[in-house]
Amino acid sequence: MNAVAHTASPSASPQPRPDVAAEYLTFALGEEEYGVDILKVQEIRGYDTVTRLPDAPDYIKGVINLRGTIVPVIDMRLKFRLAKAEYNALTVMIVLNVGERVVGMVVDSVSDVIRLDAERIRAVPEIGATIDRQFLTGIGTLDERMLILLDIERLMGSAEMGLVATGPQ
């Protein structure tokens, strides 16, 4: 058996993996802190009014025109069934590049960018059917902070969201 240690190249996988270090943009939703792969983030902007779409689910706030691109906007508090969001001066929109789409994600506030080494990322514990683990890549720990790490590609590409094509067109 080959005893050479495996090292992943930076382009080996677009998804965060528990065996490699990655940088995450951290943000708050209610009392919890989340992280999303920084490589998926296009920009961070203040929350602005959106154009509502008829018959859209409540968590899809609507769309904005971002420099000529129509961008769907998701309220993550509503998507994760948290308390209704209060929109204030701290409310921000994280603009993400997911698959072939640009998607806006409304969050309570953005904290910082942190680097998590592999040993600081733990598997999501089995908690029965109370949470949908398929959209989580793990739990990050940094000192006293715990971050819920989102698999944003899988979340935005899920059939329920219907925002990102997941296969060839």
Protein backbone atom coordinates (compact mmCIF):
# COMPACT_ATOMS: atom_id res chain seq x y z
CA MET A 1 0.00 0.00 0.00
CA ASN A 2 1.29 3.47 -0.83
CA ALA A 3 2.28 5.45 2.26
CA VAL A 4 2.42 8.84 0.53
CA ALA A 5 0.05 11.34 2.13
CA HIS A 6 -2.75 12.58 -0.08
CA THR A 7 -2.85 16.33 -0.63
CA ALA A 8 -5.79 17.87 -2.42
CA SER A 9 -5.17 20.43 -5.11
CA PRO A 10 -7.11 23.71 -4.73
CA SER A 11 -9.25 22.88 -7.77
CA ALA A 12 -9.91 19.27 -6.77
CA SER A 13 -13.43 19.96 -5.50
CA PRO A 14 -15.64 23.03 -5.55
CA GLN A 15 -17.34 21.89 -2.33
CA PRO A 16 -15.77 22.37 1.08
CA ARG A 17 -14.44 19.04 2.32
CA PRO A 18 -13.80 18.07 5.91
CA ASP A 19 -10.19 17.06 5.10
CA VAL A 20 -8.98 20.44 3.78
CA ALA A 21 -8.84 23.96 5.20
CA ALA A 22 -11.22 26.55 3.76
CA GLU A 23 -12.25 30.16 4.30
CA TYR A 24 -15.81 31.02 5.24
CA LEU A 25 -17.80 34.24 5.30
CA THR A 26 -19.62 34.21 8.62
CA PHE A 27 -23.07 35.69 9.10
CA ALA A 28 -25.82 35.76 11.71
CA LEU A 29 -29.38 34.52 11.53
CA GLY A 30 -31.05 35.15 14.85
CA GLU A 31 -28.82 33.86 17.65
CA GLU A 32 -26.87 31.45 15.43
CA GLU A 33 -23.75 32.00 13.37
CA TYR A 34 -23.39 30.42 9.94
CA GLY A 35 -20.60 30.10 7.43
CA VAL A 36 -20.58 29.92 3.64
CA ASP A 37 -17.61 29.12 1.41
CA ILE A 38 -15.98 32.48 0.60
CA LEU A 39 -15.31 31.31 -2.96
CA LYS A 40 -19.08 31.40 -3.61
CA VAL A 41 -19.45 35.04 -2.49
CA GLN A 42 -19.58 37.68 -5.23
CA GLU A 43 -20.33 40.70 -3.06
CA ILE A 44 -21.99 41.93 0.12
CA ARG A 45 -24.49 44.78 -0.11
CA GLY A 46 -27.06 46.48 2.05
CA TYR A 47 -30.59 45.16 1.87
CA ASP A 48 -32.61 46.99 -0.74
CA THR A 49 -36.20 46.71 -1.86
CA VAL A 50 -37.03 43.78 -4.10
CA THR A 51 -39.68 43.21 -6.72
CA ARG A 52 -42.10 40.58 -5.41
CA LEU A 53 -42.95 37.68 -7.67
CA PRO A 54 -46.57 36.46 -7.72
CA ASP A 55 -47.21 33.10 -6.06
CA ALA A 56 -43.57 32.71 -4.92
CA PRO A 57 -42.88 30.92 -1.61
CA ASP A 58 -42.60 33.34 1.32
CA TYR A 59 -38.83 32.81 1.66
CA ILE A 60 -38.28 34.06 -1.90
CA LYS A 61 -38.47 37.80 -1.28
CA GLY A 62 -38.45 38.58 -5.00
CA VAL A 63 -35.83 39.74 -7.48
CA ILE A 64 -33.44 42.64 -7.91
CA ASN A 65 -31.70 44.03 -10.98
CA LEU A 66 -27.98 43.82 -10.25
CA ARG A 67 -26.10 45.57 -13.04
CA GLY A 68 -28.38 44.05 -15.68
CA THR A 69 -28.69 40.60 -14.09
CA ILE A 70 -32.03 39.60 -12.56
CA VAL A 71 -31.14 38.05 -9.19
CA PRO A 72 -33.57 36.04 -7.03
CA VAL A 73 -33.41 37.02 -3.35
CA ILE A 74 -33.90 34.46 -0.56
CA ASP A 75 -34.67 35.42 3.05
CA MET A 76 -32.66 32.80 4.94
CA ARG A 77 -34.59 33.36 8.20
CA LEU A 78 -37.80 32.37 6.48
CA LYS A 79 -36.12 29.51 4.58
CA PHE A 80 -34.83 28.03 7.85
CA ARG A 81 -38.17 28.69 9.60
CA LEU A 82 -36.67 31.08 12.16
CA ALA A 83 -38.47 34.04 13.74
CA LYS A 84 -39.59 36.64 11.22
CA ALA A 85 -36.76 38.94 10.24
CA GLU A 86 -36.63 42.58 11.26
CA TYR A 87 -35.09 44.54 8.42
CA ASN A 88 -32.80 47.26 9.76
CA ALA A 89 -29.50 49.01 9.02
CA LEU A 90 -27.53 45.83 9.77
CA THR A 91 -29.55 43.61 7.42
CA VAL A 92 -27.41 42.65 4.45
CA MET A 93 -27.63 40.71 1.24
CA ILE A 94 -24.86 38.30 0.35
CA VAL A 95 -24.68 37.91 -3.43
CA LEU A 96 -23.52 34.41 -4.33
CA ASN A 97 -22.33 32.69 -7.49
CA VAL A 98 -23.94 29.28 -7.31
CA GLY A 99 -23.76 26.97 -10.29
CA GLU A 100 -24.54 29.12 -13.31
CA ARG A 101 -26.69 31.58 -11.31
CA VAL A 102 -26.30 34.66 -9.19
CA VAL A 103 -28.48 34.48 -6.06
CA GLY A 104 -29.02 36.97 -3.22
CA MET A 105 -29.29 35.75 0.36
CA VAL A 106 -30.72 38.08 3.03
CA VAL A 107 -29.13 37.64 6.48
CA ASP A 108 -29.25 39.58 9.75
CA SER A 109 -25.59 40.67 9.62
CA VAL A 110 -22.19 39.67 8.28
CA SER A 111 -19.40 39.07 10.78
CA ASP A 112 -16.04 38.26 9.20
CA VAL A 113 -14.04 35.83 7.09
CA ILE A 114 -12.43 32.98 8.98
CA ARG A 115 -10.16 30.14 7.96
CA LEU A 116 -11.05 26.74 9.36
CA ASP A 117 -8.49 23.96 9.27
CA ALA A 118 -9.76 20.40 8.82
CA GLU A 119 -9.48 19.59 12.54
CA ARG A 120 -11.84 22.49 13.37
CA ILE A 121 -14.69 21.10 11.24
CA ARG A 122 -16.90 18.41 12.78
CA ALA A 123 -19.63 16.31 11.21
CA VAL A 124 -23.21 17.42 11.76
CA PRO A 125 -24.59 15.27 14.60
CA GLU A 126 -27.53 12.94 14.07
CA ILE A 127 -30.51 14.73 15.62
CA GLY A 128 -33.36 12.81 14.05
CA ALA A 129 -35.64 14.57 11.61
CA THR A 130 -35.55 17.99 13.27
CA ILE A 131 -33.01 19.46 10.84
CA ASP A 132 -32.27 18.83 7.19
CA ARG A 133 -28.60 17.81 7.31
CA GLN A 134 -28.25 17.57 3.52
CA PHE A 135 -27.65 21.34 3.28
CA LEU A 136 -24.93 21.39 5.95
CA THR A 137 -21.26 20.53 5.45
CA GLY A 138 -20.37 20.49 9.12
CA ILE A 139 -19.99 22.43 12.35
CA GLY A 140 -16.95 24.71 12.55
CA THR A 141 -15.36 25.54 15.88
CA LEU A 142 -13.14 28.53 16.54
CA ASP A 143 -12.35 29.31 20.17
CA GLU A 144 -15.80 29.66 21.80
CA ARG A 145 -17.62 30.15 18.48
CA MET A 146 -19.57 27.46 16.69
CA LEU A 147 -20.47 27.95 13.03
CA ILE A 148 -23.10 26.06 11.08
CA LEU A 149 -21.42 25.53 7.70
CA LEU A 150 -23.83 25.59 4.77
CA ASP A 151 -23.53 23.65 1.53
CA ILE A 152 -24.86 26.60 -0.46
CA GLU A 153 -24.60 24.80 -3.83
CA ARG A 154 -26.81 21.97 -2.60
CA LEU A 155 -29.25 24.32 -0.83
CA MET A 156 -29.78 26.66 -3.79
CA GLY A 157 -29.78 23.74 -6.23
CA SER A 158 -32.37 21.72 -4.34
CA ALA A 159 -35.61 20.91 -6.14
CA GLU A 160 -37.53 22.84 -3.46
CA MET A 161 -35.62 26.05 -4.22
CA GLY A 162 -35.50 25.49 -7.96
CA LEU A 163 -32.99 28.32 -8.41
CA VAL A 164 -29.95 26.58 -9.84
CA ALA A 165 -29.84 23.92 -12.51
CA THR A 166 -28.01 20.89 -11.19
CA GLY A 167 -27.44 19.02 -14.44
CA PRO A 168 -26.78 19.64 -18.15
CA GLN A 169 -29.42 21.65 -19.91
